[in-house]
PDB file of N, CA and C in Angstrom:
ATOM      1  N   MET A   1     -63.818   4.117 -16.226  1.00  0.00           N
ATOM      2  CA  MET A   1     -64.340   4.655 -15.490  1.00  0.00           C
ATOM      3  C   MET A   1     -62.847   5.480 -15.150  1.00  0.00           C
ATOM      4  N   ARG A   2     -63.440   6.345 -14.512  1.00  0.00           N
ATOM      5  CA  ARG A   2     -62.090   7.764 -14.144  1.00  0.00           C
ATOM      6  C   ARG A   2     -61.250   7.741 -12.942  1.00  0.00           C
ATOM      7  N   ALA A   3     -60.021   8.214 -13.841  1.00  0.00           N
ATOM      8  CA  ALA A   3     -59.109   7.566 -12.253  1.00  0.00           C
ATOM      9  C   ALA A   3     -59.545   8.953 -11.163  1.00  0.00           C
ATOM     10  N   THR A   4     -59.233   7.939  -9.902  1.00  0.00           N
ATOM     11  CA  THR A   4     -59.111   9.150  -8.665  1.00  0.00           C
ATOM     12  C   THR A   4     -58.291   9.827  -8.227  1.00  0.00           C
ATOM     13  N   VAL A   5     -58.246  10.716  -7.637  1.00  0.00           N
ATOM     14  CA  VAL A   5     -57.396  11.632  -7.481  1.00  0.00           C
ATOM     15  C   VAL A   5     -56.027  10.923  -6.728  1.00  0.00           C
ATOM     16  N   ARG A   6     -56.737  10.064  -5.698  1.00  0.00           N
ATOM     17  CA  ARG A   6     -55.096   9.053  -5.526  1.00  0.00           C
ATOM     18  C   ARG A   6     -54.588   8.310  -6.468  1.00  0.00           C
ATOM     19  N   ASP A   7     -55.047   8.059  -7.575  1.00  0.00           N
ATOM     20  CA  ASP A   7     -54.356   7.295  -8.569  1.00  0.00           C
ATOM     21  C   ASP A   7     -52.941   7.866  -9.035  1.00  0.00           C
ATOM     22  N   ARG A   8     -53.562   9.599  -9.179  1.00  0.00           N
ATOM     23  CA  ARG A   8     -52.553  10.325 -10.238  1.00  0.00           C
ATOM     24  C   ARG A   8     -50.875  10.420 -10.151  1.00  0.00           C
ATOM     25  N   GLY A   9     -50.415  10.375  -9.109  1.00  0.00           N
ATOM     26  CA  GLY A   9     -48.933  10.359  -8.274  1.00  0.00           C
ATOM     27  C   GLY A   9     -48.357   9.175  -8.893  1.00  0.00           C
ATOM     28  N   GLN A  10     -48.809   7.944  -9.302  1.00  0.00           N
ATOM     29  CA  GLN A  10     -48.229   6.882  -9.331  1.00  0.00           C
ATOM     30  C   GLN A  10     -47.082   6.971 -10.408  1.00  0.00           C
ATOM     31  N   ALA A  11     -47.384   7.631 -11.885  1.00  0.00           N
ATOM     32  CA  ALA A  11     -46.765   7.661 -12.837  1.00  0.00           C
ATOM     33  C   ALA A  11     -45.508   8.312 -12.535  1.00  0.00           C
ATOM     34  N   VAL A  12     -45.932   9.403 -11.680  1.00  0.00           N
ATOM     35  CA  VAL A  12     -44.232  10.261 -11.446  1.00  0.00           C
ATOM     36  C   VAL A  12     -43.569   9.543 -10.589  1.00  0.00           C
ATOM     37  N   VAL A  13     -44.124   8.679  -9.414  1.00  0.00           N
ATOM     38  CA  VAL A  13     -42.825   8.021  -8.675  1.00  0.00           C
ATOM     39  C   VAL A  13     -42.154   6.894  -9.560  1.00  0.00           C
ATOM     40  N   LEU A  14     -42.987   6.046 -10.817  1.00  0.00           N
ATOM     41  CA  LEU A  14     -42.429   5.342 -11.284  1.00  0.00           C
ATOM     42  C   LEU A  14     -41.223   6.014 -12.588  1.00  0.00           C
ATOM     43  N   LEU A  15     -41.883   6.987 -13.204  1.00  0.00           N
ATOM     44  CA  LEU A  15     -40.808   7.821 -13.886  1.00  0.00           C
ATOM     45  C   LEU A  15     -39.646   7.872 -13.154  1.00  0.00           C
ATOM     46  N   LEU A  16     -39.833   8.429 -11.795  1.00  0.00           N
ATOM     47  CA  LEU A  16     -38.551   8.852 -11.445  1.00  0.00           C
ATOM     48  C   LEU A  16     -37.719   7.558 -10.572  1.00  0.00           C
ATOM     49  N   ALA A  17     -38.232   6.390 -10.924  1.00  0.00           N
ATOM     50  CA  ALA A  17     -37.684   5.265 -10.068  1.00  0.00           C
ATOM     51  C   ALA A  17     -36.514   4.738 -11.664  1.00  0.00           C
ATOM     52  N   VAL A  18     -37.367   4.780 -12.803  1.00  0.00           N
ATOM     53  CA  VAL A  18     -36.716   4.556 -14.164  1.00  0.00           C
ATOM     54  C   VAL A  18     -35.616   5.584 -14.431  1.00  0.00           C
ATOM     55  N   VAL A  19     -35.630   6.646 -14.165  1.00  0.00           N
ATOM     56  CA  VAL A  19     -34.760   7.710 -14.363  1.00  0.00           C
ATOM     57  C   VAL A  19     -33.520   7.597 -13.644  1.00  0.00           C
ATOM     58  N   VAL A  20     -33.747   7.334 -11.979  1.00  0.00           N
ATOM     59  CA  VAL A  20     -32.704   6.821 -11.103  1.00  0.00           C
ATOM     60  C   VAL A  20     -32.193   5.562 -11.581  1.00  0.00           C
ATOM     61  N   MET A  21     -32.759   4.636 -11.761  1.00  0.00           N
ATOM     62  CA  MET A  21     -32.163   3.221 -12.591  1.00  0.00           C
ATOM     63  C   MET A  21     -31.069   3.093 -13.892  1.00  0.00           C
ATOM     64  N   ALA A  22     -31.510   4.449 -14.746  1.00  0.00           N
ATOM     65  CA  ALA A  22     -31.135   4.473 -15.498  1.00  0.00           C
ATOM     66  C   ALA A  22     -29.542   5.407 -15.496  1.00  0.00           C
ATOM     67  N   ALA A  23     -29.646   6.487 -14.319  1.00  0.00           N
ATOM     68  CA  ALA A  23     -28.553   7.008 -13.992  1.00  0.00           C
ATOM     69  C   ALA A  23     -27.751   6.236 -13.791  1.00  0.00           C
ATOM     70  N   LEU A  24     -28.312   5.169 -13.009  1.00  0.00           N
ATOM     71  CA  LEU A  24     -27.164   4.226 -11.931  1.00  0.00           C
ATOM     72  C   LEU A  24     -26.717   3.388 -13.096  1.00  0.00           C
ATOM     73  N   SER A  25     -27.334   3.085 -14.097  1.00  0.00           N
ATOM     74  CA  SER A  25     -26.715   2.012 -15.257  1.00  0.00           C
ATOM     75  C   SER A  25     -25.258   3.144 -16.069  1.00  0.00           C
ATOM     76  N   VAL A  26     -25.425   4.087 -16.190  1.00  0.00           N
ATOM     77  CA  VAL A  26     -24.905   5.084 -16.894  1.00  0.00           C
ATOM     78  C   VAL A  26     -23.521   4.988 -15.980  1.00  0.00           C
ATOM     79  N   ILE A  27     -23.600   5.207 -14.954  1.00  0.00           N
ATOM     80  CA  ILE A  27     -22.407   5.559 -13.794  1.00  0.00           C
ATOM     81  C   ILE A  27     -21.211   3.944 -13.900  1.00  0.00           C
ATOM     82  N   ALA A  28     -22.199   3.126 -13.782  1.00  0.00           N
ATOM     83  CA  ALA A  28     -21.758   1.500 -13.940  1.00  0.00           C
ATOM     84  C   ALA A  28     -20.841   1.843 -15.237  1.00  0.00           C
ATOM     85  N   VAL A  29     -21.655   1.683 -16.252  1.00  0.00           N
ATOM     86  CA  VAL A  29     -20.900   1.587 -17.472  1.00  0.00           C
ATOM     87  C   VAL A  29     -19.967   2.377 -17.791  1.00  0.00           C
ATOM     88  N   GLY A  30     -19.634   3.737 -17.122  1.00  0.00           N
ATOM     89  CA  GLY A  30     -18.657   4.552 -17.129  1.00  0.00           C
ATOM     90  C   GLY A  30     -17.792   3.813 -16.187  1.00  0.00           C
ATOM     91  N   ASP A  31     -17.477   3.767 -15.154  1.00  0.00           N
ATOM     92  CA  ASP A  31     -16.313   3.397 -14.254  1.00  0.00           C
ATOM     93  C   ASP A  31     -16.092   1.593 -14.881  1.00  0.00           C
ATOM     94  N   PHE A  32     -16.602   1.024 -15.449  1.00  0.00           N
ATOM     95  CA  PHE A  32     -16.110   0.007 -16.293  1.00  0.00           C
ATOM     96  C   PHE A  32     -15.227   0.139 -17.360  1.00  0.00           C
ATOM     97  N   ALA A  33     -16.077   1.424 -18.102  1.00  0.00           N
ATOM     98  CA  ALA A  33     -15.052   1.776 -19.019  1.00  0.00           C
ATOM     99  C   ALA A  33     -13.626   2.273 -18.908  1.00  0.00           C
ATOM    100  N   ALA A  34     -13.743   2.855 -17.873  1.00  0.00           N
ATOM    101  CA  ALA A  34     -12.755   3.633 -17.411  1.00  0.00           C
ATOM    102  C   ALA A  34     -11.505   2.560 -16.925  1.00  0.00           C
ATOM    103  N   ARG A  35     -11.989   1.411 -16.263  1.00  0.00           N
ATOM    104  CA  ARG A  35     -10.911   0.264 -15.611  1.00  0.00           C
ATOM    105  C   ARG A  35     -10.617  -0.146 -17.022  1.00  0.00           C
ATOM    106  N   VAL A  36     -11.450  -0.520 -17.993  1.00  0.00           N
ATOM    107  CA  VAL A  36     -11.168  -1.070 -19.100  1.00  0.00           C
ATOM    108  C   VAL A  36      -9.666  -0.020 -19.756  1.00  0.00           C
ATOM    109  N   VAL A  37      -9.920   0.851 -19.696  1.00  0.00           N
ATOM    110  CA  VAL A  37      -9.026   1.588 -20.191  1.00  0.00           C
ATOM    111  C   VAL A  37      -7.543   1.993 -19.722  1.00  0.00           C
ATOM    112  N   ASP A  38      -7.874   1.703 -18.453  1.00  0.00           N
ATOM    113  CA  ASP A  38      -6.696   1.985 -17.257  1.00  0.00           C
ATOM    114  C   ASP A  38      -5.848   0.782 -17.560  1.00  0.00           C
ATOM    115  N   ARG A  39      -6.716  -0.522 -17.759  1.00  0.00           N
ATOM    116  CA  ARG A  39      -5.674  -1.933 -17.680  1.00  0.00           C
ATOM    117  C   ARG A  39      -5.114  -1.650 -18.828  1.00  0.00           C
ATOM    118  N   GLY A  40      -5.338  -1.199 -20.212  1.00  0.00           N
ATOM    119  CA  GLY A  40      -4.989  -1.305 -21.344  1.00  0.00           C
ATOM    120  C   GLY A  40      -3.614  -0.466 -21.537  1.00  0.00           C
ATOM    121  N   ARG A  41      -3.681   0.691 -20.383  1.00  0.00           N
ATOM    122  CA  ARG A  41      -2.647   1.649 -20.270  1.00  0.00           C
ATOM    123  C   ARG A  41      -1.754   1.036 -19.329  1.00  0.00           C
ATOM    124  N   ALA A  42      -2.579  -0.127 -18.481  1.00  0.00           N
ATOM    125  CA  ALA A  42      -1.032  -0.678 -17.730  1.00  0.00           C
ATOM    126  C   ALA A  42      -0.179  -1.627 -18.610  1.00  0.00           C
ATOM    127  N   GLN A  43      -1.323  -2.531 -19.322  1.00  0.00           N
ATOM    128  CA  GLN A  43      -0.714  -3.371 -20.162  1.00  0.00           C
ATOM    129  C   GLN A  43       0.521  -2.776 -21.364  1.00  0.00           C
ATOM    130  N   THR A  44       0.227  -1.717 -21.909  1.00  0.00           N
ATOM    131  CA  THR A  44       1.196  -0.926 -22.604  1.00  0.00           C
ATOM    132  C   THR A  44       2.234  -0.585 -21.763  1.00  0.00           C
ATOM    133  N   ALA A  45       2.193   0.093 -20.508  1.00  0.00           N
ATOM    134  CA  ALA A  45       3.409   0.692 -19.653  1.00  0.00           C
ATOM    135  C   ALA A  45       4.481  -0.668 -19.095  1.00  0.00           C
ATOM    136  N   ALA A  46       3.816  -1.609 -18.791  1.00  0.00           N
ATOM    137  CA  ALA A  46       4.512  -3.009 -18.616  1.00  0.00           C
ATOM    138  C   ALA A  46       5.171  -3.403 -19.842  1.00  0.00           C
ATOM    139  N   ASP A  47       4.507  -3.207 -20.790  1.00  0.00           N
ATOM    140  CA  ASP A  47       5.307  -4.094 -22.240  1.00  0.00           C
ATOM    141  C   ASP A  47       6.410  -2.766 -22.666  1.00  0.00           C
ATOM    142  N   ALA A  48       6.134  -1.752 -22.237  1.00  0.00           N
ATOM    143  CA  ALA A  48       6.977  -1.090 -22.945  1.00  0.00           C
ATOM    144  C   ALA A  48       8.317  -0.628 -21.791  1.00  0.00           C
ATOM    145  N   ALA A  49       8.343  -0.889 -20.451  1.00  0.00           N
ATOM    146  CA  ALA A  49       9.246  -1.263 -19.356  1.00  0.00           C
ATOM    147  C   ALA A  49       9.897  -2.970 -19.425  1.00  0.00           C
ATOM    148  N   ALA A  50       9.099  -3.426 -19.746  1.00  0.00           N
ATOM    149  CA  ALA A  50       9.894  -4.675 -20.163  1.00  0.00           C
ATOM    150  C   ALA A  50      11.009  -4.747 -21.359  1.00  0.00           C
ATOM    151  N   LEU A  51      10.245  -4.249 -22.196  1.00  0.00           N
ATOM    152  CA  LEU A  51      11.085  -3.996 -23.679  1.00  0.00           C
ATOM    153  C   LEU A  51      12.282  -3.286 -22.946  1.00  0.00           C
ATOM    154  N   ALA A  52      12.436  -1.959 -22.138  1.00  0.00           N
ATOM    155  CA  ALA A  52      13.342  -1.571 -21.928  1.00  0.00           C
ATOM    156  C   ALA A  52      14.179  -1.767 -21.045  1.00  0.00           C
ATOM    157  N   ALA A  53      13.590  -2.650 -20.493  1.00  0.00           N
ATOM    158  CA  ALA A  53      14.617  -3.362 -19.188  1.00  0.00           C
ATOM    159  C   ALA A  53      15.764  -4.037 -19.923  1.00  0.00           C
ATOM    160  N   THR A  54      15.424  -5.020 -21.052  1.00  0.00           N
ATOM    161  CA  THR A  54      16.362  -6.037 -21.470  1.00  0.00           C
ATOM    162  C   THR A  54      17.559  -5.343 -22.243  1.00  0.00           C
ATOM    163  N   ARG A  55      17.686  -3.813 -22.288  1.00  0.00           N
ATOM    164  CA  ARG A  55      18.814  -3.229 -23.128  1.00  0.00           C
ATOM    165  C   ARG A  55      18.863  -2.180 -21.573  1.00  0.00           C
ATOM    166  N   GLY A  56      18.247  -1.452 -20.679  1.00  0.00           N
ATOM    167  CA  GLY A  56      18.727  -0.724 -19.853  1.00  0.00           C
ATOM    168  C   GLY A  56      18.403  -0.918 -18.289  1.00  0.00           C
ATOM    169  N   GLY A  57      18.087  -2.680 -18.003  1.00  0.00           N
ATOM    170  CA  GLY A  57      18.058  -3.118 -16.709  1.00  0.00           C
ATOM    171  C   GLY A  57      16.825  -2.129 -15.818  1.00  0.00           C
ATOM    172  N   ARG A  58      17.224  -2.419 -14.554  1.00  0.00           N
ATOM    173  CA  ARG A  58      15.658  -1.891 -13.930  1.00  0.00           C
ATOM    174  C   ARG A  58      15.335  -0.048 -14.029  1.00  0.00           C
ATOM    175  N   SER A  59      16.549   0.391 -14.434  1.00  0.00           N
ATOM    176  CA  SER A  59      16.441   2.194 -14.568  1.00  0.00           C
ATOM    177  C   SER A  59      15.624   2.785 -15.577  1.00  0.00           C
ATOM    178  N   ALA A  60      15.711   1.827 -16.599  1.00  0.00           N
ATOM    179  CA  ALA A  60      15.323   2.018 -17.898  1.00  0.00           C
ATOM    180  C   ALA A  60      13.749   1.527 -17.889  1.00  0.00           C
ATOM    181  N   ALA A  61      13.422   0.328 -16.788  1.00  0.00           N
ATOM    182  CA  ALA A  61      11.981  -0.258 -16.946  1.00  0.00           C
ATOM    183  C   ALA A  61      11.262   1.297 -16.402  1.00  0.00           C
ATOM    184  N   GLU A  62      11.869   1.343 -14.955  1.00  0.00           N
ATOM    185  CA  GLU A  62      11.143   2.598 -14.227  1.00  0.00           C
ATOM    186  C   GLU A  62      11.143   3.819 -14.935  1.00  0.00           C
ATOM    187  N   ARG A  63      11.943   4.335 -15.542  1.00  0.00           N
ATOM    188  CA  ARG A  63      11.693   5.393 -16.592  1.00  0.00           C
ATOM    189  C   ARG A  63      10.546   5.079 -17.574  1.00  0.00           C
ATOM    190  N   LEU A  64      10.656   4.330 -18.059  1.00  0.00           N
ATOM    191  CA  LEU A  64       9.035   3.952 -19.218  1.00  0.00           C
ATOM    192  C   LEU A  64       7.846   3.494 -18.535  1.00  0.00           C
ATOM    193  N   ALA A  65       8.119   2.877 -17.415  1.00  0.00           N
ATOM    194  CA  ALA A  65       6.921   2.720 -16.542  1.00  0.00           C
ATOM    195  C   ALA A  65       6.055   4.267 -16.113  1.00  0.00           C
ATOM    196  N   THR A  66       6.769   5.271 -15.774  1.00  0.00           N
ATOM    197  CA  THR A  66       6.713   6.596 -15.222  1.00  0.00           C
ATOM    198  C   THR A  66       6.342   7.357 -16.348  1.00  0.00           C
ATOM    199  N   SER A  67       7.229   7.075 -17.278  1.00  0.00           N
ATOM    200  CA  SER A  67       6.557   8.124 -18.311  1.00  0.00           C
ATOM    201  C   SER A  67       5.593   7.545 -19.433  1.00  0.00           C
ATOM    202  N   ASN A  68       4.858   6.578 -18.949  1.00  0.00           N
ATOM    203  CA  ASN A  68       3.621   5.737 -19.607  1.00  0.00           C
ATOM    204  C   ASN A  68       2.500   5.917 -18.508  1.00  0.00           C
ATOM    205  N   GLY A  69       2.721   7.024 -17.422  1.00  0.00           N
ATOM    206  CA  GLY A  69       1.849   7.183 -16.492  1.00  0.00           C
ATOM    207  C   GLY A  69       1.818   6.048 -15.259  1.00  0.00           C
ATOM    208  N   GLY A  70       2.505   5.035 -15.183  1.00  0.00           N
ATOM    209  CA  GLY A  70       2.633   4.281 -14.385  1.00  0.00           C
ATOM    210  C   GLY A  70       3.617   3.892 -12.940  1.00  0.00           C
ATOM    211  N   ARG A  71       3.785   2.986 -12.774  1.00  0.00           N
ATOM    212  CA  ARG A  71       4.995   3.098 -11.355  1.00  0.00           C
ATOM    213  C   ARG A  71       5.033   1.242 -11.379  1.00  0.00           C
ATOM    214  N   LEU A  72       6.291   1.425 -11.536  1.00  0.00           N
ATOM    215  CA  LEU A  72       7.171  -0.159 -11.608  1.00  0.00           C
ATOM    216  C   LEU A  72       6.622  -0.436  -9.882  1.00  0.00           C
ATOM    217  N   ILE A  73       5.841  -2.115 -10.109  1.00  0.00           N
ATOM    218  CA  ILE A  73       5.939  -2.794  -9.161  1.00  0.00           C
ATOM    219  C   ILE A  73       6.607  -3.590  -8.473  1.00  0.00           C
ATOM    220  N   SER A  74       6.818  -4.197  -9.396  1.00  0.00           N
ATOM    221  CA  SER A  74       8.109  -5.780  -9.381  1.00  0.00           C
ATOM    222  C   SER A  74       9.116  -5.753 -10.600  1.00  0.00           C
ATOM    223  N   PHE A  75      10.139  -6.100 -10.438  1.00  0.00           N
ATOM    224  CA  PHE A  75      11.466  -6.206 -11.385  1.00  0.00           C
ATOM    225  C   PHE A  75      12.169  -7.743 -11.196  1.00  0.00           C
ATOM    226  N   SER A  76      11.978  -8.457 -12.073  1.00  0.00           N
ATOM    227  CA  SER A  76      12.971  -9.585 -12.380  1.00  0.00           C
ATOM    228  C   SER A  76      13.536  -9.859 -13.386  1.00  0.00           C
ATOM    229  N   GLU A  77      14.988 -10.370 -13.413  1.00  0.00           N
ATOM    230  CA  GLU A  77      15.773 -11.071 -14.092  1.00  0.00           C
ATOM    231  C   GLU A  77      16.181 -11.974 -14.080  1.00  0.00           C
ATOM    232  N   SER A  78      16.315 -13.019 -14.801  1.00  0.00           N
ATOM    233  CA  SER A  78      17.168 -14.359 -14.748  1.00  0.00           C
ATOM    234  C   SER A  78      17.057 -15.080 -16.408  1.00  0.00           C
ATOM    235  N   ALA A  79      18.125 -15.307 -16.742  1.00  0.00           N
ATOM    236  CA  ALA A  79      18.634 -15.835 -18.353  1.00  0.00           C
ATOM    237  C   ALA A  79      18.198 -15.437 -18.895  1.00  0.00           C
ATOM    238  N   GLY A  80      18.462 -14.276 -19.005  1.00  0.00           N
ATOM    239  CA  GLY A  80      18.089 -13.477 -20.223  1.00  0.00           C
ATOM    240  C   GLY A  80      17.117 -12.738 -20.425  1.00  0.00           C
ATOM    241  N   ALA A  81      15.669 -13.256 -19.595  1.00  0.00           N
ATOM    242  CA  ALA A  81      14.028 -12.542 -19.525  1.00  0.00           C
ATOM    243  C   ALA A  81      14.144 -11.490 -18.443  1.00  0.00           C
ATOM    244  N   VAL A  82      13.621 -11.025 -18.517  1.00  0.00           N
ATOM    245  CA  VAL A  82      12.913  -9.859 -17.950  1.00  0.00           C
ATOM    246  C   VAL A  82      11.448  -9.760 -17.583  1.00  0.00           C
ATOM    247  N   VAL A  83      10.719 -10.002 -16.125  1.00  0.00           N
ATOM    248  CA  VAL A  83       9.409  -9.613 -16.029  1.00  0.00           C
ATOM    249  C   VAL A  83       9.139  -8.547 -15.264  1.00  0.00           C
ATOM    250  N   VAL A  84       8.341  -8.052 -15.550  1.00  0.00           N
ATOM    251  CA  VAL A  84       8.180  -6.508 -14.702  1.00  0.00           C
ATOM    252  C   VAL A  84       6.159  -6.507 -14.321  1.00  0.00           C
ATOM    253  N   VAL A  85       6.051  -5.852 -13.730  1.00  0.00           N
ATOM    254  CA  VAL A  85       4.516  -5.641 -13.169  1.00  0.00           C
ATOM    255  C   VAL A  85       4.766  -4.033 -12.885  1.00  0.00           C
ATOM    256  N   VAL A  86       3.495  -3.610 -13.515  1.00  0.00           N
ATOM    257  CA  VAL A  86       3.415  -2.154 -13.718  1.00  0.00           C
ATOM    258  C   VAL A  86       1.974  -1.644 -12.934  1.00  0.00           C
ATOM    259  N   GLU A  87       1.729  -0.792 -12.418  1.00  0.00           N
ATOM    260  CA  GLU A  87       0.322  -0.376 -11.977  1.00  0.00           C
ATOM    261  C   GLU A  87       0.002   0.720 -12.286  1.00  0.00           C
ATOM    262  N   VAL A  88      -0.954   1.207 -12.933  1.00  0.00           N
ATOM    263  CA  VAL A  88      -1.664   2.203 -13.889  1.00  0.00           C
ATOM    264  C   VAL A  88      -2.914   2.778 -12.828  1.00  0.00           C
ATOM    265  N   ALA A  89      -2.912   3.584 -12.577  1.00  0.00           N
ATOM    266  CA  ALA A  89      -4.258   4.076 -11.729  1.00  0.00           C
ATOM    267  C   ALA A  89      -5.237   2.934 -11.217  1.00  0.00           C
ATOM    268  N   GLY A  90      -4.534   1.764 -10.306  1.00  0.00           N
ATOM    269  CA  GLY A  90      -4.825   1.145  -9.650  1.00  0.00           C
ATOM    270  C   GLY A  90      -5.188  -0.353 -10.329  1.00  0.00           C
ATOM    271  N   GLU A  91      -4.416  -0.835 -11.630  1.00  0.00           N
ATOM    272  CA  GLU A  91      -4.596  -1.374 -12.586  1.00  0.00           C
ATOM    273  C   GLU A  91      -3.457  -2.216 -12.498  1.00  0.00           C
ATOM    274  N   ARG A  92      -2.975  -3.787 -12.329  1.00  0.00           N
ATOM    275  CA  ARG A  92      -1.523  -3.954 -12.704  1.00  0.00           C
ATOM    276  C   ARG A  92      -1.664  -4.530 -13.761  1.00  0.00           C
ATOM    277  N   ALA A  93      -0.597  -4.588 -14.497  1.00  0.00           N
ATOM    278  CA  ALA A  93       0.139  -5.689 -15.750  1.00  0.00           C
ATOM    279  C   ALA A  93       1.086  -6.263 -15.560  1.00  0.00           C
ATOM    280  N   ALA A  94       1.237  -6.839 -16.293  1.00  0.00           N
ATOM    281  CA  ALA A  94       2.679  -7.727 -16.059  1.00  0.00           C
ATOM    282  C   ALA A  94       3.195  -8.166 -17.573  1.00  0.00           C
ATOM    283  N   ALA A  95       4.440  -7.985 -17.704  1.00  0.00           N
ATOM    284  CA  ALA A  95       5.330  -8.579 -19.121  1.00  0.00           C
ATOM    285  C   ALA A  95       6.256  -8.973 -19.359  1.00  0.00           C
ATOM    286  N   ARG A  96       6.592  -9.791 -19.739  1.00  0.00           N
ATOM    287  CA  ARG A  96       7.861 -10.111 -20.121  1.00  0.00           C
ATOM    288  C   ARG A  96       8.928 -10.098 -21.316  1.00  0.00           C
ATOM    289  N   ALA A  97       9.484  -9.864 -21.014  1.00  0.00           N
ATOM    290  CA  ALA A  97      10.419  -9.752 -22.831  1.00  0.00           C
ATOM    291  C   ALA A  97      11.904 -10.257 -22.480  1.00  0.00           C
ATOM    292  N   THR A  98      12.182 -10.380 -23.633  1.00  0.00           N
ATOM    293  CA  THR A  98      13.982 -10.867 -23.933  1.00  0.00           C
ATOM    294  C   THR A  98      14.579 -10.361 -24.712  1.00  0.00           C
ATOM    295  N   ASP A  99      15.858 -10.309 -24.699  1.00  0.00           N
ATOM    296  CA  ASP A  99      17.011  -9.812 -25.559  1.00  0.00           C
ATOM    297  C   ASP A  99      16.873 -10.340 -26.870  1.00  0.00           C
ATOM    298  N   GLY A 100      16.347 -11.517 -27.011  1.00  0.00           N
ATOM    299  CA  GLY A 100      16.798 -12.013 -28.402  1.00  0.00           C
ATOM    300  C   GLY A 100      15.438 -12.375 -29.142  1.00  0.00           C
ATOM    301  N   PRO A 101      15.872 -13.549 -29.929  1.00  0.00           N
ATOM    302  CA  PRO A 101      14.550 -13.488 -30.895  1.00  0.00           C
ATOM    303  C   PRO A 101      13.659 -14.435 -30.145  1.00  0.00           C
TER     304      PRO A 101
END
């Protein structure tokens, strides 16, 4: 049986829908990957800031957070332990460090 003139455009619409869905999937995966990278950068900045703070206090923590592309959100120090929270590109990470073993 031969296709009628009315049936010829259906493949184009289906192909267009598949292309749009593929493009949206690529964008979603790219966004997710960027957030994973930013989360890793935030954790690195928080770790460095916490370690620096054990010797240099809050100012050292702020310097290290900034030099790693972040911003120091919170800083607390008690009983020889330092806890910091750093934000990089909207992702937050916390780290704790002590001055001893």
